[in-house]
């Protein structure tokens, strides 16, 4: 089991307070093991659909970018399995893992970015995904590439 440094524990404590305020439906999983820590929760879109999101931290967080996945199965336009898009710039996705879609959320990660901002970008991506489901257009049509 990996352990967090004192600086990381302090940072994660602050992150937890922020998420509890703005995304209370998110839970911390394995918070004391730096090799297995992630946050998981439900995001609800404006159209009323719920999606389960997981944000996985690396052992050197916040120095490296966390990975964000949609853990719910995604059916895209005309009910097609969305994970078959794989890594796609026009869909703002990276290579999937275990059948879960990996969302591209920041091109240039810096340690001052927070999990709150990552999850917020996931929420925005889900709104663009909902538009893709309705129209068949790429997510790029609704969402500019995020910095």
N, C-alpha and C. Protein backbone atom coordinates (compact mmCIF):
# COMPACT_ATOMS: atom_id res chain seq x y z
N UNK A 1 0.85 -1.18 0.00
CA UNK A 1 0.00 0.00 0.00
C UNK A 1 0.89 1.24 0.00
N UNK A 2 0.67 2.14 -0.94
CA UNK A 2 1.42 3.39 -1.00
C UNK A 2 0.82 4.41 -0.05
N UNK A 3 1.63 5.31 0.41
CA UNK A 3 1.11 6.33 1.31
C UNK A 3 1.40 7.72 0.74
N UNK A 4 0.53 8.65 1.07
CA UNK A 4 0.66 10.03 0.62
C UNK A 4 1.65 10.76 1.51
N UNK A 5 2.33 11.74 0.95
CA UNK A 5 3.19 12.61 1.75
C UNK A 5 2.30 13.56 2.56
N UNK A 6 2.87 14.23 3.52
CA UNK A 6 2.10 15.20 4.32
C UNK A 6 1.52 16.30 3.42
N UNK A 7 2.30 16.79 2.48
CA UNK A 7 1.81 17.83 1.56
C UNK A 7 0.65 17.31 0.73
N UNK A 8 0.74 16.07 0.26
CA UNK A 8 -0.35 15.49 -0.52
C UNK A 8 -1.60 15.30 0.35
N UNK A 9 -1.43 14.83 1.58
CA UNK A 9 -2.58 14.65 2.48
C UNK A 9 -3.29 15.97 2.73
N UNK A 10 -2.51 17.03 2.90
CA UNK A 10 -3.08 18.35 3.10
C UNK A 10 -3.87 18.79 1.86
N UNK A 11 -3.28 18.59 0.71
CA UNK A 11 -3.94 18.94 -0.55
C UNK A 11 -5.23 18.15 -0.72
N UNK A 12 -5.18 16.84 -0.47
CA UNK A 12 -6.36 16.00 -0.63
C UNK A 12 -7.45 16.37 0.37
N UNK A 13 -7.08 16.81 1.55
CA UNK A 13 -8.06 17.26 2.53
C UNK A 13 -8.80 18.49 2.01
N UNK A 14 -8.06 19.41 1.43
CA UNK A 14 -8.67 20.60 0.83
C UNK A 14 -9.57 20.20 -0.34
N UNK A 15 -9.08 19.30 -1.18
CA UNK A 15 -9.87 18.83 -2.33
C UNK A 15 -11.18 18.19 -1.85
N UNK A 16 -11.10 17.40 -0.78
CA UNK A 16 -12.29 16.73 -0.25
C UNK A 16 -13.33 17.77 0.20
N UNK A 17 -12.88 18.83 0.87
CA UNK A 17 -13.80 19.88 1.32
C UNK A 17 -14.49 20.54 0.13
N UNK A 18 -13.74 20.80 -0.92
CA UNK A 18 -14.30 21.44 -2.11
C UNK A 18 -15.33 20.52 -2.77
N UNK A 19 -14.96 19.24 -2.93
CA UNK A 19 -15.89 18.30 -3.57
C UNK A 19 -17.14 18.09 -2.72
N UNK A 20 -16.98 18.04 -1.40
CA UNK A 20 -18.15 17.87 -0.53
C UNK A 20 -19.14 19.02 -0.70
N UNK A 21 -18.61 20.21 -0.97
CA UNK A 21 -19.47 21.38 -1.14
C UNK A 21 -20.15 21.39 -2.51
N UNK A 22 -19.38 21.15 -3.58
CA UNK A 22 -19.91 21.32 -4.94
C UNK A 22 -20.35 20.02 -5.62
N UNK A 23 -19.78 18.90 -5.22
CA UNK A 23 -20.16 17.61 -5.79
C UNK A 23 -20.34 16.61 -4.65
N UNK A 24 -21.36 16.81 -3.82
CA UNK A 24 -21.52 15.94 -2.64
C UNK A 24 -21.84 14.49 -2.97
N UNK A 25 -22.24 14.20 -4.20
CA UNK A 25 -22.55 12.82 -4.59
C UNK A 25 -21.29 12.01 -4.90
N UNK A 26 -20.11 12.63 -4.76
CA UNK A 26 -18.86 11.93 -5.04
C UNK A 26 -18.26 11.38 -3.75
N UNK A 27 -17.81 10.14 -3.83
CA UNK A 27 -17.18 9.47 -2.69
C UNK A 27 -15.71 9.25 -2.97
N UNK A 28 -14.92 9.25 -1.91
CA UNK A 28 -13.49 8.95 -2.00
C UNK A 28 -13.32 7.45 -1.77
N UNK A 29 -12.65 6.79 -2.69
CA UNK A 29 -12.41 5.36 -2.59
C UNK A 29 -10.92 5.14 -2.32
N UNK A 30 -10.60 4.33 -1.33
CA UNK A 30 -9.21 4.05 -0.93
C UNK A 30 -8.40 5.33 -0.70
N UNK A 31 -8.90 6.26 0.11
CA UNK A 31 -8.23 7.56 0.24
C UNK A 31 -6.86 7.53 0.89
N UNK A 32 -6.53 6.46 1.60
CA UNK A 32 -5.24 6.42 2.27
C UNK A 32 -4.18 5.67 1.47
N UNK A 33 -4.58 5.03 0.37
CA UNK A 33 -3.63 4.27 -0.45
C UNK A 33 -3.33 5.04 -1.73
N UNK A 34 -2.15 5.62 -1.80
CA UNK A 34 -1.79 6.47 -2.95
C UNK A 34 -1.75 5.72 -4.27
N UNK A 35 -1.77 4.40 -4.23
CA UNK A 35 -1.77 3.61 -5.47
C UNK A 35 -3.17 3.26 -5.94
N UNK A 36 -4.19 3.55 -5.12
CA UNK A 36 -5.55 3.11 -5.45
C UNK A 36 -6.62 4.18 -5.22
N UNK A 37 -6.23 5.41 -4.96
CA UNK A 37 -7.21 6.44 -4.63
C UNK A 37 -7.95 6.93 -5.87
N UNK A 38 -9.26 7.02 -5.74
CA UNK A 38 -10.07 7.66 -6.78
C UNK A 38 -11.34 8.21 -6.16
N UNK A 39 -11.97 9.11 -6.91
CA UNK A 39 -13.27 9.63 -6.52
C UNK A 39 -14.28 9.15 -7.54
N UNK A 40 -15.46 8.87 -7.05
CA UNK A 40 -16.50 8.29 -7.91
C UNK A 40 -17.84 8.89 -7.52
N UNK A 41 -18.62 9.25 -8.54
CA UNK A 41 -19.92 9.80 -8.23
C UNK A 41 -20.80 9.93 -9.46
N UNK A 42 -21.98 10.41 -9.22
CA UNK A 42 -22.98 10.56 -10.28
C UNK A 42 -23.07 12.02 -10.69
N UNK A 43 -23.05 12.24 -12.01
CA UNK A 43 -23.33 13.56 -12.57
C UNK A 43 -24.63 13.46 -13.35
N UNK A 44 -25.49 14.42 -13.14
CA UNK A 44 -26.79 14.46 -13.82
C UNK A 44 -26.75 15.58 -14.85
N UNK A 45 -27.12 15.24 -16.09
CA UNK A 45 -27.11 16.23 -17.16
C UNK A 45 -28.41 17.05 -17.14
N UNK A 46 -28.43 18.11 -17.92
CA UNK A 46 -29.61 18.96 -18.00
C UNK A 46 -30.82 18.20 -18.52
N UNK A 47 -30.59 17.14 -19.31
CA UNK A 47 -31.71 16.35 -19.83
C UNK A 47 -32.16 15.27 -18.84
N UNK A 48 -31.54 15.24 -17.66
CA UNK A 48 -31.99 14.33 -16.61
C UNK A 48 -31.31 12.97 -16.58
N UNK A 49 -30.32 12.75 -17.43
CA UNK A 49 -29.62 11.47 -17.43
C UNK A 49 -28.49 11.47 -16.41
N UNK A 50 -28.32 10.34 -15.74
CA UNK A 50 -27.26 10.18 -14.74
C UNK A 50 -26.11 9.37 -15.32
N UNK A 51 -24.90 9.81 -15.03
CA UNK A 51 -23.69 9.10 -15.47
C UNK A 51 -22.76 8.96 -14.28
N UNK A 52 -22.14 7.79 -14.17
CA UNK A 52 -21.17 7.57 -13.10
C UNK A 52 -19.79 7.92 -13.64
N UNK A 53 -19.10 8.79 -12.91
CA UNK A 53 -17.77 9.27 -13.29
C UNK A 53 -16.76 8.79 -12.24
N UNK A 54 -15.59 8.38 -12.69
CA UNK A 54 -14.50 8.05 -11.79
C UNK A 54 -13.26 8.86 -12.17
N UNK A 55 -12.62 9.46 -11.18
CA UNK A 55 -11.39 10.21 -11.41
C UNK A 55 -10.31 9.54 -10.57
N UNK A 56 -9.30 9.00 -11.27
CA UNK A 56 -8.26 8.18 -10.66
C UNK A 56 -6.98 9.00 -10.50
N UNK A 57 -6.48 9.02 -9.27
CA UNK A 57 -5.28 9.80 -8.96
C UNK A 57 -4.06 8.89 -9.02
N UNK A 58 -2.95 9.44 -9.52
CA UNK A 58 -1.69 8.70 -9.49
C UNK A 58 -1.01 8.98 -8.16
N UNK A 59 -0.02 8.19 -7.83
CA UNK A 59 0.64 8.33 -6.53
C UNK A 59 1.41 9.64 -6.38
N UNK A 60 1.64 10.35 -7.50
CA UNK A 60 2.33 11.65 -7.37
C UNK A 60 1.38 12.83 -7.62
N UNK A 61 0.06 12.58 -7.49
CA UNK A 61 -0.90 13.67 -7.59
C UNK A 61 -0.56 14.72 -6.54
N UNK A 62 -0.62 15.99 -6.84
CA UNK A 62 -1.18 16.67 -8.00
C UNK A 62 -0.17 16.95 -9.12
N UNK A 63 1.02 16.38 -9.03
CA UNK A 63 2.03 16.65 -10.05
C UNK A 63 1.71 16.00 -11.39
N UNK A 64 0.91 14.96 -11.39
CA UNK A 64 0.51 14.37 -12.67
C UNK A 64 -1.01 14.35 -12.78
N UNK A 65 -1.46 14.38 -14.00
CA UNK A 65 -2.88 14.52 -14.31
C UNK A 65 -3.67 13.27 -13.92
N UNK A 66 -4.79 13.45 -13.25
CA UNK A 66 -5.65 12.30 -12.97
C UNK A 66 -6.38 11.85 -14.23
N UNK A 67 -6.78 10.61 -14.26
CA UNK A 67 -7.55 10.06 -15.39
C UNK A 67 -9.02 10.07 -15.03
N UNK A 68 -9.84 10.54 -15.98
CA UNK A 68 -11.29 10.58 -15.76
C UNK A 68 -11.97 9.63 -16.73
N UNK A 69 -12.84 8.79 -16.17
CA UNK A 69 -13.59 7.81 -16.96
C UNK A 69 -15.07 7.96 -16.71
N UNK A 70 -15.87 7.68 -17.75
CA UNK A 70 -17.30 7.50 -17.57
C UNK A 70 -17.46 6.01 -17.30
N UNK A 71 -17.87 5.67 -16.09
CA UNK A 71 -17.96 4.27 -15.68
C UNK A 71 -19.28 3.64 -16.11
N UNK A 72 -20.25 4.46 -16.46
CA UNK A 72 -21.53 3.96 -16.98
C UNK A 72 -21.34 3.60 -18.45
N UNK A 73 -22.01 2.55 -18.91
CA UNK A 73 -21.95 2.28 -20.36
C UNK A 73 -22.55 3.46 -21.12
N UNK A 74 -21.92 3.83 -22.22
CA UNK A 74 -22.39 4.96 -23.01
C UNK A 74 -22.90 4.48 -24.36
N UNK A 75 -24.13 4.85 -24.64
CA UNK A 75 -24.68 4.61 -25.96
C UNK A 75 -24.74 5.94 -26.67
N UNK A 76 -24.01 6.02 -27.77
CA UNK A 76 -23.96 7.26 -28.53
C UNK A 76 -25.12 7.36 -29.50
N UNK A 77 -24.85 8.03 -30.60
CA UNK A 77 -25.85 8.27 -31.64
C UNK A 77 -26.40 6.94 -32.16
N UNK A 78 -27.71 6.86 -32.28
CA UNK A 78 -28.42 5.67 -32.75
C UNK A 78 -28.14 4.44 -31.89
N UNK A 79 -27.82 4.67 -30.61
CA UNK A 79 -27.63 3.58 -29.68
C UNK A 79 -26.33 2.82 -29.81
N UNK A 80 -25.41 3.34 -30.62
CA UNK A 80 -24.13 2.65 -30.81
C UNK A 80 -23.26 2.76 -29.55
N UNK A 81 -22.45 1.72 -29.31
CA UNK A 81 -21.52 1.70 -28.19
C UNK A 81 -20.50 2.81 -28.39
N UNK A 82 -20.52 3.79 -27.51
CA UNK A 82 -19.65 4.95 -27.68
C UNK A 82 -18.18 4.61 -27.48
N UNK A 83 -17.87 3.58 -26.69
CA UNK A 83 -16.47 3.26 -26.41
C UNK A 83 -15.73 2.79 -27.66
N UNK A 84 -16.46 2.43 -28.71
CA UNK A 84 -15.79 1.99 -29.93
C UNK A 84 -15.11 3.14 -30.67
N UNK A 85 -15.37 4.38 -30.25
CA UNK A 85 -14.65 5.52 -30.84
C UNK A 85 -13.18 5.49 -30.44
N UNK A 86 -12.89 4.88 -29.29
CA UNK A 86 -11.51 4.82 -28.81
C UNK A 86 -10.96 6.22 -28.57
N UNK A 87 -9.66 6.37 -28.80
CA UNK A 87 -9.05 7.69 -28.68
C UNK A 87 -9.45 8.51 -29.90
N UNK A 88 -10.05 9.66 -29.64
CA UNK A 88 -10.56 10.47 -30.74
C UNK A 88 -10.53 11.95 -30.37
N UNK A 89 -9.76 12.72 -31.12
CA UNK A 89 -9.68 14.16 -30.86
C UNK A 89 -11.05 14.81 -31.06
N UNK A 90 -11.79 14.39 -32.08
CA UNK A 90 -13.08 15.01 -32.35
C UNK A 90 -14.14 14.66 -31.31
N UNK A 91 -13.91 13.58 -30.55
CA UNK A 91 -14.84 13.19 -29.49
C UNK A 91 -14.29 13.53 -28.10
N UNK A 92 -13.09 14.11 -28.05
CA UNK A 92 -12.45 14.49 -26.79
C UNK A 92 -12.27 13.28 -25.86
N UNK A 93 -11.84 12.16 -26.46
CA UNK A 93 -11.62 10.96 -25.67
C UNK A 93 -10.20 10.44 -25.87
N UNK A 94 -9.74 9.70 -24.86
CA UNK A 94 -8.46 9.01 -24.91
C UNK A 94 -8.74 7.51 -24.99
N UNK A 95 -7.72 6.70 -25.04
CA UNK A 95 -7.93 5.25 -25.13
C UNK A 95 -8.76 4.74 -23.96
N UNK A 96 -9.83 3.98 -24.25
CA UNK A 96 -10.68 3.47 -23.18
C UNK A 96 -9.95 2.41 -22.36
N UNK A 97 -10.50 2.12 -21.20
CA UNK A 97 -9.94 1.09 -20.33
C UNK A 97 -11.10 0.29 -19.73
N UNK A 98 -11.01 -1.01 -19.82
CA UNK A 98 -12.06 -1.90 -19.30
C UNK A 98 -13.45 -1.53 -19.80
N UNK A 99 -13.54 -1.11 -21.07
CA UNK A 99 -14.81 -0.75 -21.66
C UNK A 99 -15.35 0.61 -21.24
N UNK A 100 -14.57 1.36 -20.47
CA UNK A 100 -15.01 2.68 -20.00
C UNK A 100 -14.37 3.77 -20.85
N UNK A 101 -15.14 4.78 -21.17
CA UNK A 101 -14.67 5.90 -21.96
C UNK A 101 -13.81 6.81 -21.10
N UNK A 102 -12.61 7.12 -21.59
CA UNK A 102 -11.70 8.02 -20.89
C UNK A 102 -11.82 9.41 -21.51
N UNK A 103 -12.19 10.38 -20.69
CA UNK A 103 -12.42 11.75 -21.17
C UNK A 103 -11.13 12.55 -21.11
N UNK A 104 -10.86 13.24 -22.20
CA UNK A 104 -9.74 14.19 -22.24
C UNK A 104 -10.24 15.47 -21.58
N UNK A 105 -9.55 15.91 -20.52
CA UNK A 105 -10.05 17.08 -19.81
C UNK A 105 -9.08 18.25 -19.76
N UNK A 106 -7.80 18.03 -19.81
CA UNK A 106 -6.82 19.12 -19.86
C UNK A 106 -5.67 18.73 -20.77
N UNK A 107 -5.31 19.62 -21.69
CA UNK A 107 -4.13 19.38 -22.53
C UNK A 107 -2.86 19.57 -21.73
N UNK A 108 -2.81 20.63 -20.96
CA UNK A 108 -1.62 20.97 -20.20
C UNK A 108 -1.91 20.97 -18.71
N UNK A 109 -1.67 19.86 -18.06
CA UNK A 109 -1.94 19.74 -16.63
C UNK A 109 -0.89 20.50 -15.82
N UNK A 110 -1.34 21.20 -14.81
CA UNK A 110 -0.44 21.83 -13.84
C UNK A 110 -0.95 21.49 -12.45
N UNK A 111 -0.06 21.42 -11.46
CA UNK A 111 -0.47 21.01 -10.11
C UNK A 111 -1.47 21.93 -9.43
N UNK A 112 -1.66 23.14 -9.92
CA UNK A 112 -2.62 24.03 -9.27
C UNK A 112 -4.07 23.74 -9.70
N UNK A 113 -4.27 22.86 -10.67
CA UNK A 113 -5.62 22.47 -11.06
C UNK A 113 -6.18 21.51 -10.02
N UNK A 114 -7.49 21.51 -9.87
CA UNK A 114 -8.12 20.72 -8.82
C UNK A 114 -9.06 19.65 -9.38
N UNK A 115 -9.41 18.71 -8.52
CA UNK A 115 -10.37 17.68 -8.91
C UNK A 115 -11.73 18.31 -9.20
N UNK A 116 -12.06 19.38 -8.50
CA UNK A 116 -13.30 20.11 -8.78
C UNK A 116 -13.33 20.52 -10.25
N UNK A 117 -12.24 21.08 -10.74
CA UNK A 117 -12.19 21.53 -12.14
C UNK A 117 -12.25 20.35 -13.10
N UNK A 118 -11.62 19.25 -12.74
CA UNK A 118 -11.65 18.05 -13.58
C UNK A 118 -13.09 17.55 -13.69
N UNK A 119 -13.77 17.43 -12.56
CA UNK A 119 -15.15 16.93 -12.58
C UNK A 119 -16.07 17.91 -13.30
N UNK A 120 -15.84 19.19 -13.12
CA UNK A 120 -16.63 20.19 -13.84
C UNK A 120 -16.47 20.02 -15.35
N UNK A 121 -15.24 19.76 -15.80
CA UNK A 121 -15.02 19.51 -17.23
C UNK A 121 -15.72 18.23 -17.67
N UNK A 122 -15.77 17.25 -16.79
CA UNK A 122 -16.52 16.03 -17.10
C UNK A 122 -18.00 16.32 -17.28
N UNK A 123 -18.52 17.19 -16.45
CA UNK A 123 -19.93 17.59 -16.55
C UNK A 123 -20.20 18.29 -17.89
N UNK A 124 -19.30 19.17 -18.28
CA UNK A 124 -19.44 19.88 -19.56
C UNK A 124 -19.35 18.88 -20.72
N UNK A 125 -18.41 17.93 -20.63
CA UNK A 125 -18.27 16.91 -21.67
C UNK A 125 -19.56 16.11 -21.80
N UNK A 126 -20.18 15.77 -20.67
CA UNK A 126 -21.43 15.00 -20.72
C UNK A 126 -22.55 15.76 -21.42
N UNK A 127 -22.60 17.08 -21.24
CA UNK A 127 -23.61 17.86 -21.96
C UNK A 127 -23.36 17.80 -23.47
N UNK A 128 -22.09 17.89 -23.87
CA UNK A 128 -21.76 17.76 -25.30
C UNK A 128 -22.07 16.35 -25.79
N UNK A 129 -21.83 15.36 -24.97
CA UNK A 129 -22.15 13.97 -25.32
C UNK A 129 -23.65 13.82 -25.56
N UNK A 130 -24.46 14.44 -24.70
CA UNK A 130 -25.92 14.39 -24.88
C UNK A 130 -26.32 14.99 -26.23
N UNK A 131 -25.67 16.07 -26.61
CA UNK A 131 -25.95 16.68 -27.92
C UNK A 131 -25.52 15.74 -29.05
N UNK A 132 -24.40 15.06 -28.89
CA UNK A 132 -23.96 14.05 -29.87
C UNK A 132 -25.01 12.96 -30.01
N UNK A 133 -25.55 12.50 -28.89
CA UNK A 133 -26.55 11.43 -28.93
C UNK A 133 -27.78 11.86 -29.74
N UNK A 134 -28.15 13.12 -29.61
CA UNK A 134 -29.34 13.61 -30.31
C UNK A 134 -29.10 13.85 -31.80
N UNK A 135 -27.88 14.28 -32.15
CA UNK A 135 -27.64 14.75 -33.52
C UNK A 135 -26.69 13.89 -34.34
N UNK A 136 -25.83 13.13 -33.68
CA UNK A 136 -24.80 12.38 -34.40
C UNK A 136 -23.56 13.19 -34.70
N UNK A 137 -23.59 14.49 -34.37
CA UNK A 137 -22.40 15.33 -34.61
C UNK A 137 -21.32 14.99 -33.59
N UNK A 138 -20.08 15.27 -33.96
CA UNK A 138 -18.98 15.01 -33.04
C UNK A 138 -19.05 15.96 -31.84
N UNK A 139 -18.45 15.56 -30.77
CA UNK A 139 -18.42 16.39 -29.57
C UNK A 139 -17.70 17.71 -29.86
N UNK A 140 -16.73 17.65 -30.79
CA UNK A 140 -16.04 18.87 -31.23
C UNK A 140 -17.02 19.93 -31.74
N UNK A 141 -18.14 19.52 -32.26
CA UNK A 141 -19.14 20.46 -32.77
C UNK A 141 -19.75 21.31 -31.67
N UNK A 142 -19.70 20.80 -30.44
CA UNK A 142 -20.34 21.47 -29.32
C UNK A 142 -19.36 21.99 -28.27
N UNK A 143 -18.12 21.48 -28.34
CA UNK A 143 -17.18 21.76 -27.28
C UNK A 143 -15.79 21.98 -27.87
N UNK A 144 -15.26 23.14 -27.62
CA UNK A 144 -13.90 23.43 -28.09
C UNK A 144 -12.91 22.60 -27.27
N UNK A 145 -11.73 22.40 -27.81
CA UNK A 145 -10.71 21.68 -27.06
C UNK A 145 -10.36 22.48 -25.82
N UNK A 146 -10.25 21.78 -24.70
CA UNK A 146 -10.06 22.42 -23.41
C UNK A 146 -8.58 22.55 -23.08
N UNK A 147 -8.24 23.67 -22.52
CA UNK A 147 -6.85 23.88 -22.05
C UNK A 147 -6.77 23.58 -20.58
